[in-house]
Amino acid sequence: MRTSERPDPAPFRVCFVCTGNICRSPMAEAVFRARVAEAGLDVEIEVDSAGTDGWHVGEAADPRAAAVLSRHGYELKHTARQFTPDWFAERDLVLGLDSGHVRRLLKIAPTPIDAEKVRLLLSFAPDLDLTDVEDPYYGGARGFEEALELIEAAAAGLLQAVRDELAARP
């Protein structure tokens, strides 16, 4: 390698976390992945999702989540996984879909530096004056539409925050 060439920096890694990783977090993953691709940043930013609990590990997303995403033009390829403490080492930002997820993530964060990676998704949509994307699992189709609306509202602010982080890297 010539001295003027530098290896590509590691991508900025974002993980969305909900309870079972079949409704809200895969929806957030699909929306943000689409925003990242639209911005031409899919080499610089990696996106995934997981659940705080392992009830649905290995399952596909809830069909209602998949349907609402499809109706709104998002692509979803998903298999549920559980977030574990060792994941912090491979993620730059870990986003809880509600305050309960944030509490759980903070509890399992191995170090204070890992805990600093944890944020609420809706903190990137301060105009909403909400903290939580409510779980639509036990409700009807409208709950999934509402969850998607909130996720979409946060996506622009999140993308800008990640762009700022990338720009600040050496």
N, C-alpha and C. Protein backbone atom coordinates (compact mmCIF):
# COMPACT_ATOMS: atom_id res chain seq x y z
N MET A 1 0.85 -1.17 0.00
CA MET A 1 0.00 0.00 0.00
C MET A 1 0.90 1.24 0.00
N ARG A 2 0.57 2.21 -0.83
CA ARG A 2 1.32 3.47 -0.84
C ARG A 2 1.03 4.23 0.44
N THR A 3 1.93 5.08 0.85
CA THR A 3 1.75 5.81 2.11
C THR A 3 0.59 6.78 2.05
N SER A 4 0.21 7.23 0.87
CA SER A 4 -0.91 8.17 0.77
C SER A 4 -2.26 7.47 0.88
N GLU A 5 -2.26 6.15 0.74
CA GLU A 5 -3.52 5.40 0.85
C GLU A 5 -3.77 5.01 2.30
N ARG A 6 -4.99 5.18 2.73
CA ARG A 6 -5.37 4.76 4.08
C ARG A 6 -6.47 3.73 3.96
N PRO A 7 -6.48 2.76 4.85
CA PRO A 7 -7.59 1.80 4.80
C PRO A 7 -8.91 2.51 5.10
N ASP A 8 -9.97 1.98 4.54
CA ASP A 8 -11.28 2.56 4.80
C ASP A 8 -11.60 2.47 6.29
N PRO A 9 -12.16 3.54 6.85
CA PRO A 9 -12.52 3.48 8.28
C PRO A 9 -13.67 2.50 8.49
N ALA A 10 -13.77 2.02 9.71
CA ALA A 10 -14.87 1.11 10.06
C ALA A 10 -16.19 1.86 9.91
N PRO A 11 -17.23 1.17 9.49
CA PRO A 11 -18.53 1.83 9.39
C PRO A 11 -19.08 2.19 10.78
N PHE A 12 -19.94 3.17 10.80
CA PHE A 12 -20.67 3.54 12.01
C PHE A 12 -21.82 2.55 12.13
N ARG A 13 -21.93 1.89 13.28
CA ARG A 13 -22.91 0.81 13.44
C ARG A 13 -24.02 1.23 14.39
N VAL A 14 -25.26 1.12 13.89
CA VAL A 14 -26.45 1.50 14.64
C VAL A 14 -27.31 0.26 14.84
N CYS A 15 -27.76 0.04 16.08
CA CYS A 15 -28.63 -1.09 16.38
C CYS A 15 -29.90 -0.59 17.06
N PHE A 16 -31.04 -0.99 16.54
CA PHE A 16 -32.34 -0.66 17.13
C PHE A 16 -32.78 -1.82 18.00
N VAL A 17 -33.30 -1.52 19.19
CA VAL A 17 -33.67 -2.57 20.13
C VAL A 17 -35.08 -2.35 20.65
N CYS A 18 -35.91 -3.41 20.54
CA CYS A 18 -37.21 -3.43 21.19
C CYS A 18 -37.27 -4.70 22.04
N THR A 19 -38.45 -5.17 22.37
CA THR A 19 -38.56 -6.31 23.28
C THR A 19 -38.26 -7.64 22.60
N GLY A 20 -39.01 -7.97 21.55
CA GLY A 20 -38.86 -9.28 20.93
C GLY A 20 -38.20 -9.28 19.58
N ASN A 21 -37.90 -8.08 19.05
CA ASN A 21 -37.27 -7.93 17.74
C ASN A 21 -38.13 -8.48 16.61
N ILE A 22 -39.45 -8.29 16.74
CA ILE A 22 -40.33 -8.69 15.64
C ILE A 22 -41.26 -7.57 15.18
N CYS A 23 -41.35 -6.46 15.92
CA CYS A 23 -42.24 -5.37 15.52
C CYS A 23 -41.48 -4.06 15.34
N ARG A 24 -41.25 -3.35 16.43
CA ARG A 24 -40.71 -2.00 16.35
C ARG A 24 -39.27 -1.93 15.86
N SER A 25 -38.38 -2.73 16.41
CA SER A 25 -36.98 -2.60 16.00
C SER A 25 -36.74 -3.03 14.55
N PRO A 26 -37.38 -4.07 14.04
CA PRO A 26 -37.18 -4.34 12.61
C PRO A 26 -37.77 -3.25 11.72
N MET A 27 -38.87 -2.63 12.19
CA MET A 27 -39.43 -1.51 11.44
C MET A 27 -38.43 -0.36 11.39
N ALA A 28 -37.84 -0.05 12.55
CA ALA A 28 -36.86 1.03 12.61
C ALA A 28 -35.63 0.71 11.76
N GLU A 29 -35.20 -0.55 11.81
CA GLU A 29 -34.07 -0.97 10.98
C GLU A 29 -34.37 -0.76 9.50
N ALA A 30 -35.54 -1.17 9.05
CA ALA A 30 -35.90 -1.03 7.63
C ALA A 30 -35.97 0.44 7.21
N VAL A 31 -36.60 1.27 8.04
CA VAL A 31 -36.73 2.69 7.72
C VAL A 31 -35.36 3.35 7.67
N PHE A 32 -34.54 3.11 8.70
CA PHE A 32 -33.25 3.78 8.73
C PHE A 32 -32.33 3.26 7.63
N ARG A 33 -32.38 1.97 7.35
CA ARG A 33 -31.57 1.43 6.26
C ARG A 33 -31.94 2.10 4.94
N ALA A 34 -33.23 2.35 4.72
CA ALA A 34 -33.67 3.03 3.51
C ALA A 34 -33.15 4.47 3.47
N ARG A 35 -33.20 5.17 4.61
CA ARG A 35 -32.70 6.55 4.66
C ARG A 35 -31.19 6.60 4.40
N VAL A 36 -30.47 5.64 4.96
CA VAL A 36 -29.03 5.56 4.77
C VAL A 36 -28.72 5.32 3.28
N ALA A 37 -29.44 4.41 2.65
CA ALA A 37 -29.23 4.12 1.23
C ALA A 37 -29.56 5.35 0.37
N GLU A 38 -30.67 6.02 0.68
CA GLU A 38 -31.05 7.23 -0.06
C GLU A 38 -29.97 8.29 0.03
N ALA A 39 -29.29 8.36 1.16
CA ALA A 39 -28.23 9.35 1.37
C ALA A 39 -26.90 8.89 0.78
N GLY A 40 -26.85 7.67 0.23
CA GLY A 40 -25.62 7.15 -0.34
C GLY A 40 -24.56 6.82 0.71
N LEU A 41 -25.02 6.47 1.92
CA LEU A 41 -24.10 6.21 3.02
C LEU A 41 -24.08 4.75 3.46
N ASP A 42 -24.55 3.85 2.61
CA ASP A 42 -24.66 2.46 3.04
C ASP A 42 -23.31 1.76 3.19
N VAL A 43 -22.22 2.37 2.74
CA VAL A 43 -20.89 1.82 3.02
C VAL A 43 -20.40 2.34 4.37
N GLU A 44 -20.77 3.58 4.70
CA GLU A 44 -20.31 4.21 5.94
C GLU A 44 -21.14 3.87 7.16
N ILE A 45 -22.38 3.43 6.96
CA ILE A 45 -23.28 3.17 8.09
C ILE A 45 -23.89 1.77 7.96
N GLU A 46 -23.76 0.97 9.02
CA GLU A 46 -24.40 -0.35 9.07
C GLU A 46 -25.55 -0.29 10.07
N VAL A 47 -26.63 -0.98 9.74
CA VAL A 47 -27.85 -0.93 10.54
C VAL A 47 -28.31 -2.35 10.84
N ASP A 48 -28.68 -2.60 12.11
CA ASP A 48 -29.29 -3.87 12.46
C ASP A 48 -30.26 -3.67 13.61
N SER A 49 -30.81 -4.76 14.12
CA SER A 49 -31.76 -4.67 15.22
C SER A 49 -31.72 -5.94 16.05
N ALA A 50 -32.30 -5.84 17.24
CA ALA A 50 -32.34 -6.98 18.15
C ALA A 50 -33.42 -6.73 19.20
N GLY A 51 -33.66 -7.74 20.02
CA GLY A 51 -34.62 -7.62 21.11
C GLY A 51 -33.92 -7.75 22.45
N THR A 52 -34.53 -7.20 23.48
CA THR A 52 -33.99 -7.36 24.82
C THR A 52 -34.22 -8.78 25.33
N ASP A 53 -35.23 -9.44 24.80
CA ASP A 53 -35.59 -10.79 25.23
C ASP A 53 -35.49 -11.76 24.06
N GLY A 54 -35.37 -13.03 24.36
CA GLY A 54 -35.15 -14.03 23.34
C GLY A 54 -36.36 -14.83 22.91
N TRP A 55 -37.55 -14.35 23.24
CA TRP A 55 -38.77 -15.12 22.95
C TRP A 55 -38.94 -15.48 21.47
N HIS A 56 -38.50 -14.60 20.58
CA HIS A 56 -38.77 -14.79 19.15
C HIS A 56 -37.51 -15.04 18.32
N VAL A 57 -36.40 -15.35 18.97
CA VAL A 57 -35.14 -15.56 18.24
C VAL A 57 -35.36 -16.57 17.12
N GLY A 58 -34.90 -16.21 15.95
CA GLY A 58 -35.02 -17.09 14.78
C GLY A 58 -36.29 -16.91 13.97
N GLU A 59 -37.24 -16.14 14.50
CA GLU A 59 -38.50 -15.92 13.80
C GLU A 59 -38.41 -14.73 12.86
N ALA A 60 -39.33 -14.70 11.91
CA ALA A 60 -39.48 -13.55 11.02
C ALA A 60 -40.18 -12.42 11.77
N ALA A 61 -40.19 -11.26 11.18
CA ALA A 61 -40.91 -10.13 11.77
C ALA A 61 -42.40 -10.44 11.82
N ASP A 62 -43.09 -9.79 12.73
CA ASP A 62 -44.55 -9.90 12.82
C ASP A 62 -45.14 -9.55 11.44
N PRO A 63 -46.07 -10.36 10.94
CA PRO A 63 -46.65 -10.09 9.61
C PRO A 63 -47.27 -8.70 9.49
N ARG A 64 -47.79 -8.16 10.59
CA ARG A 64 -48.38 -6.82 10.54
C ARG A 64 -47.29 -5.76 10.36
N ALA A 65 -46.14 -5.96 10.97
CA ALA A 65 -45.01 -5.03 10.77
C ALA A 65 -44.53 -5.11 9.32
N ALA A 66 -44.39 -6.32 8.82
CA ALA A 66 -43.96 -6.50 7.43
C ALA A 66 -44.95 -5.87 6.46
N ALA A 67 -46.24 -6.00 6.75
CA ALA A 67 -47.27 -5.46 5.86
C ALA A 67 -47.24 -3.94 5.83
N VAL A 68 -47.12 -3.31 6.99
CA VAL A 68 -47.10 -1.84 7.01
C VAL A 68 -45.85 -1.32 6.32
N LEU A 69 -44.72 -1.98 6.52
CA LEU A 69 -43.51 -1.56 5.83
C LEU A 69 -43.67 -1.69 4.32
N SER A 70 -44.20 -2.81 3.87
CA SER A 70 -44.40 -3.04 2.45
C SER A 70 -45.34 -1.99 1.84
N ARG A 71 -46.42 -1.69 2.54
CA ARG A 71 -47.37 -0.67 2.05
C ARG A 71 -46.71 0.69 1.88
N HIS A 72 -45.69 0.95 2.67
CA HIS A 72 -45.01 2.25 2.61
C HIS A 72 -43.70 2.19 1.83
N GLY A 73 -43.47 1.08 1.13
CA GLY A 73 -42.33 1.00 0.22
C GLY A 73 -41.00 0.60 0.84
N TYR A 74 -41.03 0.04 2.03
CA TYR A 74 -39.78 -0.39 2.67
C TYR A 74 -39.56 -1.88 2.46
N GLU A 75 -38.29 -2.24 2.33
CA GLU A 75 -37.92 -3.65 2.19
C GLU A 75 -37.52 -4.19 3.55
N LEU A 76 -37.97 -5.39 3.86
CA LEU A 76 -37.65 -6.01 5.14
C LEU A 76 -37.20 -7.44 4.92
N LYS A 77 -35.96 -7.71 5.31
CA LYS A 77 -35.43 -9.07 5.37
C LYS A 77 -34.97 -9.21 6.81
N HIS A 78 -35.63 -10.08 7.57
CA HIS A 78 -35.39 -10.05 9.01
C HIS A 78 -35.54 -11.41 9.67
N THR A 79 -34.63 -11.67 10.59
CA THR A 79 -34.72 -12.81 11.50
C THR A 79 -34.43 -12.27 12.89
N ALA A 80 -35.33 -12.51 13.84
CA ALA A 80 -35.20 -11.95 15.19
C ALA A 80 -33.97 -12.48 15.90
N ARG A 81 -33.32 -11.56 16.64
CA ARG A 81 -32.14 -11.88 17.44
C ARG A 81 -32.27 -11.21 18.80
N GLN A 82 -31.46 -11.64 19.74
CA GLN A 82 -31.45 -11.04 21.07
C GLN A 82 -30.15 -10.26 21.27
N PHE A 83 -30.27 -9.05 21.80
CA PHE A 83 -29.11 -8.22 22.10
C PHE A 83 -28.44 -8.75 23.35
N THR A 84 -27.14 -8.95 23.30
CA THR A 84 -26.38 -9.41 24.47
C THR A 84 -25.27 -8.41 24.75
N PRO A 85 -24.74 -8.40 25.97
CA PRO A 85 -23.73 -7.40 26.34
C PRO A 85 -22.53 -7.32 25.39
N ASP A 86 -22.12 -8.43 24.81
CA ASP A 86 -20.96 -8.39 23.92
C ASP A 86 -21.22 -7.62 22.63
N TRP A 87 -22.49 -7.37 22.32
CA TRP A 87 -22.82 -6.61 21.12
C TRP A 87 -22.35 -5.15 21.21
N PHE A 88 -22.24 -4.63 22.43
CA PHE A 88 -21.83 -3.24 22.59
C PHE A 88 -20.49 -2.96 21.91
N ALA A 89 -19.58 -3.92 21.97
CA ALA A 89 -18.26 -3.73 21.39
C ALA A 89 -18.31 -3.49 19.89
N GLU A 90 -19.35 -3.98 19.23
CA GLU A 90 -19.48 -3.86 17.78
C GLU A 90 -20.48 -2.80 17.33
N ARG A 91 -21.00 -2.01 18.26
CA ARG A 91 -22.01 -1.00 17.91
C ARG A 91 -21.54 0.37 18.40
N ASP A 92 -21.87 1.40 17.62
CA ASP A 92 -21.54 2.78 18.00
C ASP A 92 -22.73 3.47 18.66
N LEU A 93 -23.93 3.03 18.30
CA LEU A 93 -25.15 3.63 18.82
C LEU A 93 -26.19 2.53 18.98
N VAL A 94 -26.78 2.45 20.17
CA VAL A 94 -27.78 1.42 20.47
C VAL A 94 -29.05 2.16 20.89
N LEU A 95 -30.09 2.02 20.08
CA LEU A 95 -31.30 2.82 20.25
C LEU A 95 -32.47 1.99 20.76
N GLY A 96 -32.92 2.32 21.95
CA GLY A 96 -34.11 1.69 22.50
C GLY A 96 -35.35 2.34 21.92
N LEU A 97 -36.36 1.52 21.65
CA LEU A 97 -37.61 2.05 21.11
C LEU A 97 -38.50 2.61 22.21
N ASP A 98 -38.26 2.22 23.45
CA ASP A 98 -38.96 2.86 24.57
C ASP A 98 -38.04 2.92 25.78
N SER A 99 -38.49 3.63 26.80
CA SER A 99 -37.63 3.86 27.97
C SER A 99 -37.32 2.57 28.73
N GLY A 100 -38.21 1.58 28.67
CA GLY A 100 -37.93 0.29 29.29
C GLY A 100 -36.76 -0.40 28.62
N HIS A 101 -36.67 -0.30 27.31
CA HIS A 101 -35.53 -0.89 26.59
C HIS A 101 -34.24 -0.19 26.99
N VAL A 102 -34.30 1.12 27.11
CA VAL A 102 -33.10 1.87 27.50
C VAL A 102 -32.65 1.42 28.89
N ARG A 103 -33.57 1.29 29.82
CA ARG A 103 -33.20 0.83 31.17
C ARG A 103 -32.53 -0.55 31.12
N ARG A 104 -33.11 -1.46 30.35
CA ARG A 104 -32.54 -2.81 30.23
C ARG A 104 -31.14 -2.78 29.61
N LEU A 105 -30.98 -1.96 28.58
CA LEU A 105 -29.68 -1.85 27.92
C LEU A 105 -28.63 -1.25 28.84
N LEU A 106 -29.02 -0.24 29.59
CA LEU A 106 -28.08 0.38 30.52
C LEU A 106 -27.65 -0.62 31.60
N LYS A 107 -28.58 -1.48 32.00
CA LYS A 107 -28.28 -2.49 33.03
C LYS A 107 -27.25 -3.51 32.54
N ILE A 108 -27.29 -3.84 31.27
CA ILE A 108 -26.37 -4.87 30.76
C ILE A 108 -25.11 -4.29 30.12
N ALA A 109 -25.02 -2.97 30.01
CA ALA A 109 -23.83 -2.35 29.41
C ALA A 109 -22.60 -2.71 30.24
N PRO A 110 -21.59 -3.32 29.63
CA PRO A 110 -20.42 -3.76 30.38
C PRO A 110 -19.58 -2.62 30.98
N THR A 111 -19.57 -1.46 30.31
CA THR A 111 -18.73 -0.36 30.77
C THR A 111 -19.50 0.96 30.66
N PRO A 112 -19.03 1.99 31.34
CA PRO A 112 -19.65 3.32 31.17
C PRO A 112 -19.59 3.82 29.72
N ILE A 113 -18.53 3.47 29.01
CA ILE A 113 -18.43 3.87 27.60
C ILE A 113 -19.54 3.20 26.78
N ASP A 114 -19.83 1.94 27.09
CA ASP A 114 -20.92 1.25 26.41
C ASP A 114 -22.26 1.89 26.75
N ALA A 115 -22.45 2.25 28.00
CA ALA A 115 -23.71 2.88 28.42
C ALA A 115 -23.94 4.20 27.68
N GLU A 116 -22.87 4.91 27.35
CA GLU A 116 -22.99 6.17 26.61
C GLU A 116 -23.51 5.97 25.20
N LYS A 117 -23.47 4.76 24.69
CA LYS A 117 -23.96 4.45 23.34
C LYS A 117 -25.47 4.31 23.30
N VAL A 118 -26.11 4.20 24.46
CA VAL A 118 -27.54 3.92 24.54
C VAL A 118 -28.34 5.23 24.51
N ARG A 119 -29.34 5.27 23.63
CA ARG A 119 -30.22 6.43 23.52
C ARG A 119 -31.63 5.95 23.18
N LEU A 120 -32.58 6.82 23.41
CA LEU A 120 -33.96 6.59 22.95
C LEU A 120 -34.07 7.03 21.50
N LEU A 121 -34.72 6.24 20.68
CA LEU A 121 -34.89 6.63 19.28
C LEU A 121 -35.56 7.99 19.16
N LEU A 122 -36.62 8.20 19.93
CA LEU A 122 -37.38 9.45 19.77
C LEU A 122 -36.65 10.67 20.29
N SER A 123 -35.48 10.50 20.89
CA SER A 123 -34.67 11.67 21.26
C SER A 123 -34.18 12.38 20.00
N PHE A 124 -34.25 11.72 18.86
CA PHE A 124 -33.87 12.32 17.59
C PHE A 124 -35.05 13.01 16.89
N ALA A 125 -36.18 13.06 17.57
CA ALA A 125 -37.36 13.77 17.07
C ALA A 125 -37.93 14.62 18.20
N PRO A 126 -37.15 15.61 18.68
CA PRO A 126 -37.57 16.37 19.86
C PRO A 126 -38.87 17.14 19.69
N ASP A 127 -39.24 17.45 18.46
CA ASP A 127 -40.50 18.18 18.22
C ASP A 127 -41.72 17.34 18.56
N LEU A 128 -41.58 16.03 18.65
CA LEU A 128 -42.72 15.16 18.96
C LEU A 128 -43.12 15.25 20.42
N ASP A 129 -42.19 15.61 21.29
CA ASP A 129 -42.45 15.68 22.72
C ASP A 129 -42.96 14.34 23.26
N LEU A 130 -42.39 13.25 22.74
CA LEU A 130 -42.68 11.89 23.18
C LEU A 130 -41.37 11.19 23.48
N THR A 131 -41.42 10.16 24.30
CA THR A 131 -40.21 9.39 24.55
C THR A 131 -40.29 8.00 23.96
N ASP A 132 -41.46 7.40 23.94
CA ASP A 132 -41.59 5.99 23.59
C ASP A 132 -42.38 5.76 22.31
N VAL A 133 -41.90 4.80 21.51
CA VAL A 133 -42.69 4.24 20.43
C VAL A 133 -43.44 3.08 21.07
N GLU A 134 -44.73 3.23 21.23
CA GLU A 134 -45.53 2.22 21.93
C GLU A 134 -45.54 0.90 21.16
N ASP A 135 -45.61 -0.19 21.90
CA ASP A 135 -45.60 -1.53 21.31
C ASP A 135 -46.95 -1.82 20.66
N PRO A 136 -46.96 -2.05 19.34
CA PRO A 136 -48.23 -2.32 18.66
C PRO A 136 -48.64 -3.79 18.69
N TYR A 137 -47.85 -4.65 19.30
CA TYR A 137 -48.04 -6.10 19.21
C TYR A 137 -49.44 -6.56 19.60
N TYR A 138 -49.99 -6.02 20.67
CA TYR A 138 -51.30 -6.49 21.15
C TYR A 138 -52.47 -5.72 20.58
N GLY A 139 -52.20 -4.83 19.66
CA GLY A 139 -53.27 -4.03 19.07
C GLY A 139 -53.51 -4.39 17.62
N GLY A 140 -54.12 -3.47 16.93
CA GLY A 140 -54.46 -3.68 15.53
C GLY A 140 -53.50 -2.99 14.59
N ALA A 141 -53.90 -2.93 13.33
CA ALA A 141 -53.06 -2.37 12.27
C ALA A 141 -52.73 -0.91 12.53
N ARG A 142 -53.64 -0.16 13.12
CA ARG A 142 -53.39 1.26 13.36
C ARG A 142 -52.16 1.47 14.26
N GLY A 143 -51.94 0.61 15.22
CA GLY A 143 -50.78 0.73 16.09
C GLY A 143 -49.47 0.60 15.32
N PHE A 144 -49.45 -0.25 14.31
CA PHE A 144 -48.26 -0.41 13.48
C PHE A 144 -48.04 0.82 12.61
N GLU A 145 -49.13 1.39 12.11
CA GLU A 145 -49.03 2.65 11.34
C GLU A 145 -48.49 3.77 12.22
N GLU A 146 -48.99 3.86 13.44
CA GLU A 146 -48.52 4.91 14.37
C GLU A 146 -47.05 4.72 14.71
N ALA A 147 -46.65 3.48 14.96
CA ALA A 147 -45.24 3.20 15.25
C ALA A 147 -44.37 3.62 14.07
N LEU A 148 -44.80 3.30 12.86
CA LEU A 148 -44.03 3.67 11.67
C LEU A 148 -43.92 5.19 11.55
N GLU A 149 -45.00 5.91 11.81
CA GLU A 149 -44.97 7.37 11.72
C GLU A 149 -43.94 7.95 12.68
N LEU A 150 -43.88 7.43 13.90
CA LEU A 150 -42.92 7.92 14.89
C LEU A 150 -41.49 7.59 14.47
N ILE A 151 -41.29 6.38 14.00
CA ILE A 151 -39.96 5.95 13.55
C ILE A 151 -39.49 6.84 12.40
N GLU A 152 -40.37 7.08 11.43
CA GLU A 152 -40.02 7.93 10.30
C GLU A 152 -39.69 9.34 10.77
N ALA A 153 -40.42 9.84 11.76
CA ALA A 153 -40.17 11.19 12.27
C ALA A 153 -38.79 11.30 12.89
N ALA A 154 -38.31 10.24 13.51
CA ALA A 154 -36.99 10.26 14.15
C ALA A 154 -35.85 10.00 13.16
N ALA A 155 -36.14 9.40 12.03
CA ALA A 155 -35.09 8.96 11.10
C ALA A 155 -34.23 10.11 10.57
N ALA A 156 -34.84 11.24 10.25
CA ALA A 156 -34.06 12.35 9.70
C ALA A 156 -33.08 12.90 10.73
N GLY A 157 -33.55 13.11 11.95
CA GLY A 157 -32.67 13.60 13.01
C GLY A 157 -31.56 12.61 13.33
N LEU A 158 -31.90 11.34 13.32
CA LEU A 158 -30.90 10.30 13.56
C LEU A 158 -29.85 10.30 12.46
N LEU A 159 -30.28 10.38 11.22
CA LEU A 159 -29.33 10.39 10.12
C LEU A 159 -28.40 11.58 10.23
N GLN A 160 -28.92 12.74 10.58
CA GLN A 160 -28.07 13.91 10.72
C GLN A 160 -27.06 13.73 11.86
N ALA A 161 -27.52 13.15 12.97
CA ALA A 161 -26.62 12.91 14.10
C ALA A 161 -25.49 11.95 13.72
N VAL A 162 -25.81 10.92 12.97
CA VAL A 162 -24.79 9.96 12.54
C VAL A 162 -23.84 10.62 11.54
N ARG A 163 -24.39 11.43 10.64
CA ARG A 163 -23.52 12.17 9.71
C ARG A 163 -22.53 13.05 10.49
N ASP A 164 -23.03 13.72 11.52
CA ASP A 164 -22.16 14.56 12.35
C ASP A 164 -21.06 13.73 13.01
N GLU A 165 -21.44 12.54 13.51
CA GLU A 165 -20.44 11.65 14.11
C GLU A 165 -19.38 11.23 13.09
N LEU A 166 -19.83 10.90 11.89
CA LEU A 166 -18.89 10.49 10.85
C LEU A 166 -17.95 11.64 10.49
N ALA A 167 -18.49 12.84 10.41
CA ALA A 167 -17.67 14.01 10.06
C ALA A 167 -16.64 14.32 11.14
N ALA A 168 -16.95 13.99 12.38
CA ALA A 168 -16.04 14.27 13.49
C ALA A 168 -14.93 13.23 13.65
N ARG A 169 -15.05 12.13 12.92
CA ARG A 169 -14.00 11.10 13.00
C ARG A 169 -12.72 11.61 12.36
N PRO A 170 -11.57 11.19 12.92
CA PRO A 170 -10.29 11.62 12.34
C PRO A 170 -10.07 11.04 10.95
